[in-house]
């Protein structure tokens, strides 16, 4: 896999920094908003090898499934999200339709 450009990586970092507690974004959503709509796997690589101080726990698959590669595996990912108040099912999924966050969108706190 080719290394992502510094600009793409920084755009992804900037978006991840903005995800509020209790909300999630998907790998594909991040890729599209960073300018490369077909680069969800690249975003996964950035999450795996990138800045560990960002809230990567708030990034999930488009189905709402948690990431196997998260430190501590699925149970580690679940534990960190639940500590933020996010409900995670026994099969390691979140309600992505309800929790999906879009930057610059009106806050939808009434849905939570």
PDB file of N, CA and C in Angstrom:
ATOM      1  N   UNK A   1       0.845  -1.171   0.000  1.00  0.00           N
ATOM      2  CA  UNK A   1       0.000   0.000   0.000  1.00  0.00           C
ATOM      3  C   UNK A   1       0.894   1.239   0.000  1.00  0.00           C
ATOM      4  N   UNK A   2       0.560   2.184  -0.827  1.00  0.00           N
ATOM      5  CA  UNK A   2       1.293   3.439  -0.908  1.00  0.00           C
ATOM      6  C   UNK A   2       1.007   4.280   0.334  1.00  0.00           C
ATOM      7  N   UNK A   3       2.023   4.999   0.797  1.00  0.00           N
ATOM      8  CA  UNK A   3       1.853   5.864   1.960  1.00  0.00           C
ATOM      9  C   UNK A   3       0.899   7.010   1.633  1.00  0.00           C
ATOM     10  N   UNK A   4      -0.025   7.328   2.539  1.00  0.00           N
ATOM     11  CA  UNK A   4      -0.915   8.470   2.297  1.00  0.00           C
ATOM     12  C   UNK A   4      -0.122   9.773   2.350  1.00  0.00           C
ATOM     13  N   UNK A   5      -0.591  10.746   1.609  1.00  0.00           N
ATOM     14  CA  UNK A   5       0.087  12.039   1.626  1.00  0.00           C
ATOM     15  C   UNK A   5      -0.034  12.671   3.009  1.00  0.00           C
ATOM     16  N   UNK A   6       0.883  13.562   3.303  1.00  0.00           N
ATOM     17  CA  UNK A   6       0.842  14.276   4.576  1.00  0.00           C
ATOM     18  C   UNK A   6      -0.461  15.066   4.688  1.00  0.00           C
ATOM     19  N   UNK A   7      -0.916  15.650   3.596  1.00  0.00           N
ATOM     20  CA  UNK A   7      -2.150  16.442   3.610  1.00  0.00           C
ATOM     21  C   UNK A   7      -3.362  15.576   3.949  1.00  0.00           C
ATOM     22  N   UNK A   8      -3.424  14.383   3.340  1.00  0.00           N
ATOM     23  CA  UNK A   8      -4.541  13.469   3.612  1.00  0.00           C
ATOM     24  C   UNK A   8      -4.510  13.033   5.076  1.00  0.00           C
ATOM     25  N   UNK A   9      -3.339  12.630   5.542  1.00  0.00           N
ATOM     26  CA  UNK A   9      -3.186  12.176   6.924  1.00  0.00           C
ATOM     27  C   UNK A   9      -3.592  13.293   7.898  1.00  0.00           C
ATOM     28  N   UNK A  10      -3.140  14.509   7.648  1.00  0.00           N
ATOM     29  CA  UNK A  10      -3.481  15.628   8.531  1.00  0.00           C
ATOM     30  C   UNK A  10      -4.979  15.933   8.498  1.00  0.00           C
ATOM     31  N   UNK A  11      -5.603  15.805   7.323  1.00  0.00           N
ATOM     32  CA  UNK A  11      -7.054  16.019   7.229  1.00  0.00           C
ATOM     33  C   UNK A  11      -7.801  14.981   8.055  1.00  0.00           C
ATOM     34  N   UNK A  12      -7.353  13.726   7.997  1.00  0.00           N
ATOM     35  CA  UNK A  12      -7.972  12.666   8.803  1.00  0.00           C
ATOM     36  C   UNK A  12      -7.779  12.965  10.286  1.00  0.00           C
ATOM     37  N   UNK A  13      -6.558  13.313  10.682  1.00  0.00           N
ATOM     38  CA  UNK A  13      -6.292  13.652  12.080  1.00  0.00           C
ATOM     39  C   UNK A  13      -7.208  14.771  12.559  1.00  0.00           C
ATOM     40  N   UNK A  14      -7.342  15.813  11.749  1.00  0.00           N
ATOM     41  CA  UNK A  14      -8.173  16.954  12.128  1.00  0.00           C
ATOM     42  C   UNK A  14      -9.623  16.532  12.351  1.00  0.00           C
ATOM     43  N   UNK A  15     -10.137  15.679  11.478  1.00  0.00           N
ATOM     44  CA  UNK A  15     -11.516  15.207  11.626  1.00  0.00           C
ATOM     45  C   UNK A  15     -11.688  14.351  12.873  1.00  0.00           C
ATOM     46  N   UNK A  16     -10.749  13.442  13.113  1.00  0.00           N
ATOM     47  CA  UNK A  16     -10.847  12.555  14.277  1.00  0.00           C
ATOM     48  C   UNK A  16     -10.806  13.368  15.570  1.00  0.00           C
ATOM     49  N   UNK A  17      -9.973  14.406  15.603  1.00  0.00           N
ATOM     50  CA  UNK A  17      -9.900  15.275  16.789  1.00  0.00           C
ATOM     51  C   UNK A  17     -11.256  15.892  17.131  1.00  0.00           C
ATOM     52  N   UNK A  18     -12.075  16.118  16.130  1.00  0.00           N
ATOM     53  CA  UNK A  18     -13.344  16.810  16.326  1.00  0.00           C
ATOM     54  C   UNK A  18     -14.502  15.919  16.781  1.00  0.00           C
ATOM     55  N   UNK A  19     -14.355  14.599  16.659  1.00  0.00           N
ATOM     56  CA  UNK A  19     -15.479  13.708  16.988  1.00  0.00           C
ATOM     57  C   UNK A  19     -15.798  13.836  18.475  1.00  0.00           C
ATOM     58  N   UNK A  20     -17.016  14.265  18.800  1.00  0.00           N
ATOM     59  CA  UNK A  20     -17.366  14.427  20.217  1.00  0.00           C
ATOM     60  C   UNK A  20     -17.556  13.084  20.924  1.00  0.00           C
ATOM     61  N   UNK A  21     -17.352  13.097  22.232  1.00  0.00           N
ATOM     62  CA  UNK A  21     -17.646  11.904  23.034  1.00  0.00           C
ATOM     63  C   UNK A  21     -19.091  11.509  22.797  1.00  0.00           C
ATOM     64  N   UNK A  22     -19.314  10.207  22.722  1.00  0.00           N
ATOM     65  CA  UNK A  22     -20.662   9.702  22.535  1.00  0.00           C
ATOM     66  C   UNK A  22     -21.100   9.624  21.082  1.00  0.00           C
ATOM     67  N   UNK A  23     -20.240  10.007  20.153  1.00  0.00           N
ATOM     68  CA  UNK A  23     -20.561   9.975  18.725  1.00  0.00           C
ATOM     69  C   UNK A  23     -19.478   9.183  18.002  1.00  0.00           C
ATOM     70  N   UNK A  24     -19.740   8.784  16.761  1.00  0.00           N
ATOM     71  CA  UNK A  24     -18.779   8.024  15.968  1.00  0.00           C
ATOM     72  C   UNK A  24     -18.736   8.548  14.528  1.00  0.00           C
ATOM     73  N   UNK A  25     -17.663   8.214  13.849  1.00  0.00           N
ATOM     74  CA  UNK A  25     -17.544   8.408  12.406  1.00  0.00           C
ATOM     75  C   UNK A  25     -17.052   7.089  11.838  1.00  0.00           C
ATOM     76  N   UNK A  26     -17.251   6.886  10.532  1.00  0.00           N
ATOM     77  CA  UNK A  26     -16.787   5.656   9.891  1.00  0.00           C
ATOM     78  C   UNK A  26     -15.487   5.927   9.140  1.00  0.00           C
ATOM     79  N   UNK A  27     -14.765   4.850   8.867  1.00  0.00           N
ATOM     80  CA  UNK A  27     -13.523   4.959   8.098  1.00  0.00           C
ATOM     81  C   UNK A  27     -13.799   5.570   6.726  1.00  0.00           C
ATOM     82  N   UNK A  28     -14.857   5.106   6.072  1.00  0.00           N
ATOM     83  CA  UNK A  28     -15.202   5.626   4.754  1.00  0.00           C
ATOM     84  C   UNK A  28     -15.632   7.084   4.794  1.00  0.00           C
ATOM     85  N   UNK A  29     -16.367   7.449   5.806  1.00  0.00           N
ATOM     86  CA  UNK A  29     -16.795   8.839   5.975  1.00  0.00           C
ATOM     87  C   UNK A  29     -15.573   9.741   6.134  1.00  0.00           C
ATOM     88  N   UNK A  30     -14.615   9.325   6.961  1.00  0.00           N
ATOM     89  CA  UNK A  30     -13.389  10.100   7.142  1.00  0.00           C
ATOM     90  C   UNK A  30     -12.630  10.230   5.824  1.00  0.00           C
ATOM     91  N   UNK A  31     -12.533   9.120   5.092  1.00  0.00           N
ATOM     92  CA  UNK A  31     -11.824   9.147   3.809  1.00  0.00           C
ATOM     93  C   UNK A  31     -12.481  10.138   2.853  1.00  0.00           C
ATOM     94  N   UNK A  32     -13.793  10.083   2.751  1.00  0.00           N
ATOM     95  CA  UNK A  32     -14.517  10.969   1.833  1.00  0.00           C
ATOM     96  C   UNK A  32     -14.349  12.429   2.236  1.00  0.00           C
ATOM     97  N   UNK A  33     -14.504  12.715   3.521  1.00  0.00           N
ATOM     98  CA  UNK A  33     -14.384  14.097   3.988  1.00  0.00           C
ATOM     99  C   UNK A  33     -12.954  14.627   3.857  1.00  0.00           C
ATOM    100  N   UNK A  34     -11.989  13.724   3.858  1.00  0.00           N
ATOM    101  CA  UNK A  34     -10.583  14.119   3.687  1.00  0.00           C
ATOM    102  C   UNK A  34     -10.194  14.183   2.211  1.00  0.00           C
ATOM    103  N   UNK A  35     -11.157  13.918   1.313  1.00  0.00           N
ATOM    104  CA  UNK A  35     -10.909  14.101  -0.108  1.00  0.00           C
ATOM    105  C   UNK A  35     -10.658  12.858  -0.931  1.00  0.00           C
ATOM    106  N   UNK A  36     -10.713  11.680  -0.319  1.00  0.00           N
ATOM    107  CA  UNK A  36     -10.480  10.429  -1.050  1.00  0.00           C
ATOM    108  C   UNK A  36     -11.540   9.398  -0.664  1.00  0.00           C
ATOM    109  N   UNK A  37     -12.708   9.442  -1.313  1.00  0.00           N
ATOM    110  CA  UNK A  37     -13.850   8.632  -0.890  1.00  0.00           C
ATOM    111  C   UNK A  37     -13.641   7.118  -0.938  1.00  0.00           C
ATOM    112  N   UNK A  38     -12.627   6.640  -1.645  1.00  0.00           N
ATOM    113  CA  UNK A  38     -12.415   5.193  -1.724  1.00  0.00           C
ATOM    114  C   UNK A  38     -11.213   4.742  -0.905  1.00  0.00           C
ATOM    115  N   UNK A  39     -10.847   5.535   0.081  1.00  0.00           N
ATOM    116  CA  UNK A  39      -9.633   5.252   0.845  1.00  0.00           C
ATOM    117  C   UNK A  39      -9.917   4.853   2.293  1.00  0.00           C
ATOM    118  N   UNK A  40     -11.024   4.167   2.533  1.00  0.00           N
ATOM    119  CA  UNK A  40     -11.356   3.763   3.902  1.00  0.00           C
ATOM    120  C   UNK A  40     -10.267   2.891   4.506  1.00  0.00           C
ATOM    121  N   UNK A  41      -9.700   1.991   3.715  1.00  0.00           N
ATOM    122  CA  UNK A  41      -8.634   1.126   4.238  1.00  0.00           C
ATOM    123  C   UNK A  41      -7.381   1.925   4.573  1.00  0.00           C
ATOM    124  N   UNK A  42      -7.133   2.963   3.812  1.00  0.00           N
ATOM    125  CA  UNK A  42      -5.992   3.828   4.101  1.00  0.00           C
ATOM    126  C   UNK A  42      -6.215   4.525   5.448  1.00  0.00           C
ATOM    127  N   UNK A  43      -7.441   4.962   5.695  1.00  0.00           N
ATOM    128  CA  UNK A  43      -7.769   5.579   6.987  1.00  0.00           C
ATOM    129  C   UNK A  43      -7.539   4.556   8.106  1.00  0.00           C
ATOM    130  N   UNK A  44      -7.897   3.305   7.859  1.00  0.00           N
ATOM    131  CA  UNK A  44      -7.631   2.261   8.848  1.00  0.00           C
ATOM    132  C   UNK A  44      -6.147   2.130   9.142  1.00  0.00           C
ATOM    133  N   UNK A  45      -5.325   2.226   8.102  1.00  0.00           N
ATOM    134  CA  UNK A  45      -3.875   2.182   8.299  1.00  0.00           C
ATOM    135  C   UNK A  45      -3.378   3.382   9.090  1.00  0.00           C
ATOM    136  N   UNK A  46      -3.939   4.547   8.790  1.00  0.00           N
ATOM    137  CA  UNK A  46      -3.571   5.754   9.538  1.00  0.00           C
ATOM    138  C   UNK A  46      -3.952   5.575  11.012  1.00  0.00           C
ATOM    139  N   UNK A  47      -5.124   5.005  11.251  1.00  0.00           N
ATOM    140  CA  UNK A  47      -5.568   4.777  12.631  1.00  0.00           C
ATOM    141  C   UNK A  47      -4.621   3.809  13.345  1.00  0.00           C
ATOM    142  N   UNK A  48      -4.202   2.793  12.622  1.00  0.00           N
ATOM    143  CA  UNK A  48      -3.360   1.760  13.224  1.00  0.00           C
ATOM    144  C   UNK A  48      -1.946   2.268  13.506  1.00  0.00           C
ATOM    145  N   UNK A  49      -1.399   3.058  12.595  1.00  0.00           N
ATOM    146  CA  UNK A  49      -0.009   3.479  12.709  1.00  0.00           C
ATOM    147  C   UNK A  49       0.155   4.962  13.023  1.00  0.00           C
ATOM    148  N   UNK A  50      -0.934   5.707  13.101  1.00  0.00           N
ATOM    149  CA  UNK A  50      -0.859   7.157  13.265  1.00  0.00           C
ATOM    150  C   UNK A  50      -0.793   7.610  14.707  1.00  0.00           C
ATOM    151  N   UNK A  51      -1.171   8.841  14.918  1.00  0.00           N
ATOM    152  CA  UNK A  51      -1.116   9.500  16.220  1.00  0.00           C
ATOM    153  C   UNK A  51      -1.965   8.751  17.242  1.00  0.00           C
ATOM    154  N   UNK A  52      -1.338   8.127  18.242  1.00  0.00           N
ATOM    155  CA  UNK A  52      -2.100   7.344  19.229  1.00  0.00           C
ATOM    156  C   UNK A  52      -2.877   8.187  20.231  1.00  0.00           C
ATOM    157  N   UNK A  53      -2.649   9.489  20.233  1.00  0.00           N
ATOM    158  CA  UNK A  53      -3.319  10.352  21.201  1.00  0.00           C
ATOM    159  C   UNK A  53      -4.684  10.842  20.726  1.00  0.00           C
ATOM    160  N   UNK A  54      -5.083  10.452  19.524  1.00  0.00           N
ATOM    161  CA  UNK A  54      -6.386  10.861  18.997  1.00  0.00           C
ATOM    162  C   UNK A  54      -7.462   9.868  19.437  1.00  0.00           C
ATOM    163  N   UNK A  55      -8.726  10.281  19.446  1.00  0.00           N
ATOM    164  CA  UNK A  55      -9.811   9.394  19.902  1.00  0.00           C
ATOM    165  C   UNK A  55     -10.252   8.393  18.827  1.00  0.00           C
ATOM    166  N   UNK A  56      -9.341   7.489  18.457  1.00  0.00           N
ATOM    167  CA  UNK A  56      -9.635   6.495  17.410  1.00  0.00           C
ATOM    168  C   UNK A  56     -10.765   5.563  17.815  1.00  0.00           C
ATOM    169  N   UNK A  57     -11.056   5.462  19.123  1.00  0.00           N
ATOM    170  CA  UNK A  57     -12.151   4.601  19.564  1.00  0.00           C
ATOM    171  C   UNK A  57     -13.474   5.053  18.970  1.00  0.00           C
ATOM    172  N   UNK A  58     -13.562   6.286  18.529  1.00  0.00           N
ATOM    173  CA  UNK A  58     -14.794   6.841  17.973  1.00  0.00           C
ATOM    174  C   UNK A  58     -14.921   6.596  16.474  1.00  0.00           C
ATOM    175  N   UNK A  59     -14.017   5.804  15.918  1.00  0.00           N
ATOM    176  CA  UNK A  59     -14.062   5.465  14.491  1.00  0.00           C
ATOM    177  C   UNK A  59     -14.448   3.993  14.369  1.00  0.00           C
ATOM    178  N   UNK A  60     -15.486   3.728  13.579  1.00  0.00           N
ATOM    179  CA  UNK A  60     -16.019   2.376  13.430  1.00  0.00           C
ATOM    180  C   UNK A  60     -16.219   2.056  11.951  1.00  0.00           C
ATOM    181  N   UNK A  61     -16.530   0.811  11.676  1.00  0.00           N
ATOM    182  CA  UNK A  61     -16.841   0.397  10.308  1.00  0.00           C
ATOM    183  C   UNK A  61     -18.222   0.915   9.911  1.00  0.00           C
ATOM    184  N   UNK A  62     -18.499   0.953   8.617  1.00  0.00           N
ATOM    185  CA  UNK A  62     -19.772   1.515   8.147  1.00  0.00           C
ATOM    186  C   UNK A  62     -20.981   0.776   8.700  1.00  0.00           C
ATOM    187  N   UNK A  63     -20.819  -0.482   9.060  1.00  0.00           N
ATOM    188  CA  UNK A  63     -21.911  -1.269   9.631  1.00  0.00           C
ATOM    189  C   UNK A  63     -22.112  -0.986  11.122  1.00  0.00           C
ATOM    190  N   UNK A  64     -21.186  -0.236  11.706  1.00  0.00           N
ATOM    191  CA  UNK A  64     -21.226  -0.001  13.143  1.00  0.00           C
ATOM    192  C   UNK A  64     -20.360  -0.968  13.922  1.00  0.00           C
ATOM    193  N   UNK A  65     -19.722  -1.911  13.209  1.00  0.00           N
ATOM    194  CA  UNK A  65     -18.839  -2.878  13.859  1.00  0.00           C
ATOM    195  C   UNK A  65     -17.580  -2.192  14.374  1.00  0.00           C
ATOM    196  N   UNK A  66     -17.063  -2.708  15.464  1.00  0.00           N
ATOM    197  CA  UNK A  66     -15.832  -2.176  16.026  1.00  0.00           C
ATOM    198  C   UNK A  66     -14.636  -2.764  15.283  1.00  0.00           C
ATOM    199  N   UNK A  67     -13.479  -2.142  15.470  1.00  0.00           N
ATOM    200  CA  UNK A  67     -12.258  -2.546  14.767  1.00  0.00           C
ATOM    201  C   UNK A  67     -11.497  -3.608  15.551  1.00  0.00           C
ATOM    202  N   UNK A  68     -11.171  -4.689  14.862  1.00  0.00           N
ATOM    203  CA  UNK A  68     -10.405  -5.767  15.477  1.00  0.00           C
ATOM    204  C   UNK A  68      -8.998  -5.310  15.843  1.00  0.00           C
ATOM    205  N   UNK A  69      -8.443  -4.370  15.084  1.00  0.00           N
ATOM    206  CA  UNK A  69      -7.077  -3.919  15.287  1.00  0.00           C
ATOM    207  C   UNK A  69      -6.903  -2.898  16.399  1.00  0.00           C
ATOM    208  N   UNK A  70      -7.982  -2.524  17.061  1.00  0.00           N
ATOM    209  CA  UNK A  70      -7.888  -1.559  18.155  1.00  0.00           C
ATOM    210  C   UNK A  70      -7.085  -2.188  19.293  1.00  0.00           C
ATOM    211  N   UNK A  71      -6.249  -1.394  20.003  1.00  0.00           N
ATOM    212  CA  UNK A  71      -5.512  -1.970  21.136  1.00  0.00           C
ATOM    213  C   UNK A  71      -6.459  -2.676  22.115  1.00  0.00           C
ATOM    214  N   UNK A  72      -6.167  -3.911  22.395  1.00  0.00           N
ATOM    215  CA  UNK A  72      -7.039  -4.699  23.267  1.00  0.00           C
ATOM    216  C   UNK A  72      -8.114  -5.431  22.490  1.00  0.00           C
ATOM    217  N   UNK A  73      -8.056  -5.317  21.148  1.00  0.00           N
ATOM    218  CA  UNK A  73      -9.015  -6.020  20.300  1.00  0.00           C
ATOM    219  C   UNK A  73     -10.430  -5.474  20.438  1.00  0.00           C
ATOM    220  N   UNK A  74     -11.387  -6.277  20.042  1.00  0.00           N
ATOM    221  CA  UNK A  74     -12.788  -5.852  20.087  1.00  0.00           C
ATOM    222  C   UNK A  74     -13.237  -5.504  21.498  1.00  0.00           C
ATOM    223  N   UNK A  75     -12.819  -6.310  22.471  1.00  0.00           N
ATOM    224  CA  UNK A  75     -13.251  -6.031  23.847  1.00  0.00           C
ATOM    225  C   UNK A  75     -12.626  -4.741  24.373  1.00  0.00           C
ATOM    226  N   UNK A  76     -11.392  -4.452  23.979  1.00  0.00           N
ATOM    227  CA  UNK A  76     -10.764  -3.193  24.375  1.00  0.00           C
ATOM    228  C   UNK A  76     -11.468  -2.003  23.758  1.00  0.00           C
ATOM    229  N   UNK A  77     -11.839  -2.130  22.476  1.00  0.00           N
ATOM    230  CA  UNK A  77     -12.558  -1.068  21.784  1.00  0.00           C
ATOM    231  C   UNK A  77     -13.915  -0.848  22.451  1.00  0.00           C
ATOM    232  N   UNK A  78     -14.601  -1.936  22.744  1.00  0.00           N
ATOM    233  CA  UNK A  78     -15.909  -1.858  23.409  1.00  0.00           C
ATOM    234  C   UNK A  78     -15.789  -1.171  24.768  1.00  0.00           C
ATOM    235  N   UNK A  79     -14.803  -1.551  25.533  1.00  0.00           N
ATOM    236  CA  UNK A  79     -14.630  -1.010  26.880  1.00  0.00           C
ATOM    237  C   UNK A  79     -14.429   0.505  26.847  1.00  0.00           C
ATOM    238  N   UNK A  80     -13.604   0.998  25.937  1.00  0.00           N
ATOM    239  CA  UNK A  80     -13.321   2.433  25.869  1.00  0.00           C
ATOM    240  C   UNK A  80     -14.567   3.206  25.424  1.00  0.00           C
ATOM    241  N   UNK A  81     -15.294   2.680  24.445  1.00  0.00           N
ATOM    242  CA  UNK A  81     -16.521   3.346  24.002  1.00  0.00           C
ATOM    243  C   UNK A  81     -17.571   3.370  25.113  1.00  0.00           C
ATOM    244  N   UNK A  82     -17.739   2.254  25.795  1.00  0.00           N
ATOM    245  CA  UNK A  82     -18.721   2.200  26.878  1.00  0.00           C
ATOM    246  C   UNK A  82     -18.354   3.166  28.003  1.00  0.00           C
ATOM    247  N   UNK A  83     -17.064   3.366  28.240  1.00  0.00           N
ATOM    248  CA  UNK A  83     -16.635   4.323  29.258  1.00  0.00           C
ATOM    249  C   UNK A  83     -17.034   5.750  28.883  1.00  0.00           C
ATOM    250  N   UNK A  84     -17.243   5.991  27.580  1.00  0.00           N
ATOM    251  CA  UNK A  84     -17.699   7.300  27.099  1.00  0.00           C
ATOM    252  C   UNK A  84     -19.222   7.374  27.023  1.00  0.00           C
ATOM    253  N   UNK A  85     -19.896   6.298  27.410  1.00  0.00           N
ATOM    254  CA  UNK A  85     -21.351   6.308  27.395  1.00  0.00           C
ATOM    255  C   UNK A  85     -21.983   5.763  26.133  1.00  0.00           C
ATOM    256  N   UNK A  86     -21.189   5.158  25.259  1.00  0.00           N
ATOM    257  CA  UNK A  86     -21.711   4.592  24.017  1.00  0.00           C
ATOM    258  C   UNK A  86     -22.136   3.152  24.275  1.00  0.00           C
ATOM    259  N   UNK A  87     -23.359   2.822  23.898  1.00  0.00           N
ATOM    260  CA  UNK A  87     -23.846   1.453  24.048  1.00  0.00           C
ATOM    261  C   UNK A  87     -23.277   0.594  22.925  1.00  0.00           C
ATOM    262  N   UNK A  88     -22.660  -0.527  23.300  1.00  0.00           N
ATOM    263  CA  UNK A  88     -22.084  -1.469  22.348  1.00  0.00           C
ATOM    264  C   UNK A  88     -22.757  -2.813  22.574  1.00  0.00           C
ATOM    265  N   UNK A  89     -23.238  -3.423  21.499  1.00  0.00           N
ATOM    266  CA  UNK A  89     -23.927  -4.709  21.620  1.00  0.00           C
ATOM    267  C   UNK A  89     -22.949  -5.837  21.915  1.00  0.00           C
ATOM    268  N   UNK A  90     -23.496  -7.000  22.277  1.00  0.00           N
ATOM    269  CA  UNK A  90     -22.663  -8.164  22.566  1.00  0.00           C
ATOM    270  C   UNK A  90     -21.875  -8.632  21.348  1.00  0.00           C
ATOM    271  N   UNK A  91     -22.357  -8.281  20.137  1.00  0.00           N
ATOM    272  CA  UNK A  91     -21.603  -8.658  18.929  1.00  0.00           C
ATOM    273  C   UNK A  91     -20.728  -7.493  18.441  1.00  0.00           C
ATOM    274  N   UNK A  92     -20.405  -6.589  19.357  1.00  0.00           N
ATOM    275  CA  UNK A  92     -19.442  -5.501  19.128  1.00  0.00           C
ATOM    276  C   UNK A  92     -19.867  -4.538  18.033  1.00  0.00           C
ATOM    277  N   UNK A  93     -21.079  -4.032  18.146  1.00  0.00           N
ATOM    278  CA  UNK A  93     -21.597  -3.039  17.203  1.00  0.00           C
ATOM    279  C   UNK A  93     -22.189  -1.863  17.968  1.00  0.00           C
ATOM    280  N   UNK A  94     -22.149  -0.699  17.291  1.00  0.00           N
ATOM    281  CA  UNK A  94     -22.833   0.479  17.815  1.00  0.00           C
ATOM    282  C   UNK A  94     -23.941   0.841  16.839  1.00  0.00           C
ATOM    283  N   UNK A  95     -24.891   1.604  17.293  1.00  0.00           N
ATOM    284  CA  UNK A  95     -25.978   2.065  16.433  1.00  0.00           C
ATOM    285  C   UNK A  95     -25.449   3.227  15.593  1.00  0.00           C
ATOM    286  N   UNK A  96     -24.815   2.895  14.485  1.00  0.00           N
ATOM    287  CA  UNK A  96     -24.139   3.897  13.666  1.00  0.00           C
ATOM    288  C   UNK A  96     -25.123   4.923  13.099  1.00  0.00           C
ATOM    289  N   UNK A  97     -26.332   4.513  12.811  1.00  0.00           N
ATOM    290  CA  UNK A  97     -27.305   5.463  12.269  1.00  0.00           C
ATOM    291  C   UNK A  97     -27.646   6.548  13.284  1.00  0.00           C
ATOM    292  N   UNK A  98     -27.711   6.189  14.532  1.00  0.00           N
ATOM    293  CA  UNK A  98     -28.063   7.143  15.586  1.00  0.00           C
ATOM    294  C   UNK A  98     -26.860   7.949  16.056  1.00  0.00           C
ATOM    295  N   UNK A  99     -25.687   7.342  16.057  1.00  0.00           N
ATOM    296  CA  UNK A  99     -24.503   7.976  16.639  1.00  0.00           C
ATOM    297  C   UNK A  99     -23.585   8.652  15.634  1.00  0.00           C
ATOM    298  N   UNK A 100     -23.845   8.475  14.348  1.00  0.00           N
ATOM    299  CA  UNK A 100     -22.954   9.036  13.327  1.00  0.00           C
ATOM    300  C   UNK A 100     -22.892  10.548  13.458  1.00  0.00           C
ATOM    301  N   UNK A 101     -21.676  11.073  13.450  1.00  0.00           N
ATOM    302  CA  UNK A 101     -21.452  12.513  13.597  1.00  0.00           C
ATOM    303  C   UNK A 101     -20.890  13.082  12.307  1.00  0.00           C
ATOM    304  N   UNK A 102     -21.413  14.221  11.930  1.00  0.00           N
ATOM    305  CA  UNK A 102     -20.932  14.957  10.759  1.00  0.00           C
ATOM    306  C   UNK A 102     -20.415  16.316  11.205  1.00  0.00           C
ATOM    307  N   UNK A 103     -19.178  16.655  10.842  1.00  0.00           N
ATOM    308  CA  UNK A 103     -18.681  17.988  11.190  1.00  0.00           C
ATOM    309  C   UNK A 103     -19.540  19.060  10.514  1.00  0.00           C
ATOM    310  N   UNK A 104     -19.675  20.168  11.182  1.00  0.00           N
ATOM    311  CA  UNK A 104     -20.427  21.325  10.649  1.00  0.00           C
ATOM    312  C   UNK A 104     -21.920  21.067  10.479  1.00  0.00           C
ATOM    313  N   UNK A 105     -22.425  19.990  11.046  1.00  0.00           N
ATOM    314  CA  UNK A 105     -23.863  19.728  10.995  1.00  0.00           C
ATOM    315  C   UNK A 105     -24.481  20.245  12.295  1.00  0.00           C
ATOM    316  N   UNK A 106     -25.734  20.656  12.242  1.00  0.00           N
ATOM    317  CA  UNK A 106     -26.388  21.080  13.486  1.00  0.00           C
ATOM    318  C   UNK A 106     -26.342  19.933  14.501  1.00  0.00           C
ATOM    319  N   UNK A 107     -26.073  20.258  15.730  1.00  0.00           N
ATOM    320  CA  UNK A 107     -25.996  19.224  16.766  1.00  0.00           C
ATOM    321  C   UNK A 107     -27.330  18.509  16.888  1.00  0.00           C
ATOM    322  N   UNK A 108     -27.248  17.206  16.995  1.00  0.00           N
ATOM    323  CA  UNK A 108     -28.442  16.384  17.059  1.00  0.00           C
ATOM    324  C   UNK A 108     -28.561  15.751  18.432  1.00  0.00           C
ATOM    325  N   UNK A 109     -28.280  16.500  19.471  1.00  0.00           N
ATOM    326  CA  UNK A 109     -28.280  15.936  20.822  1.00  0.00           C
ATOM    327  C   UNK A 109     -29.648  15.384  21.221  1.00  0.00           C
ATOM    328  N   UNK A 110     -30.701  15.869  20.584  1.00  0.00           N
ATOM    329  CA  UNK A 110     -32.023  15.355  20.923  1.00  0.00           C
ATOM    330  C   UNK A 110     -32.187  13.896  20.513  1.00  0.00           C
ATOM    331  N   UNK A 111     -31.303  13.404  19.624  1.00  0.00           N
ATOM    332  CA  UNK A 111     -31.368  12.008  19.192  1.00  0.00           C
ATOM    333  C   UNK A 111     -30.695  11.080  20.182  1.00  0.00           C
ATOM    334  N   UNK A 112     -29.867  11.623  21.052  1.00  0.00           N
ATOM    335  CA  UNK A 112     -29.077  10.763  21.940  1.00  0.00           C
ATOM    336  C   UNK A 112     -29.815  10.380  23.193  1.00  0.00           C
TER     337      UNK A 112
END
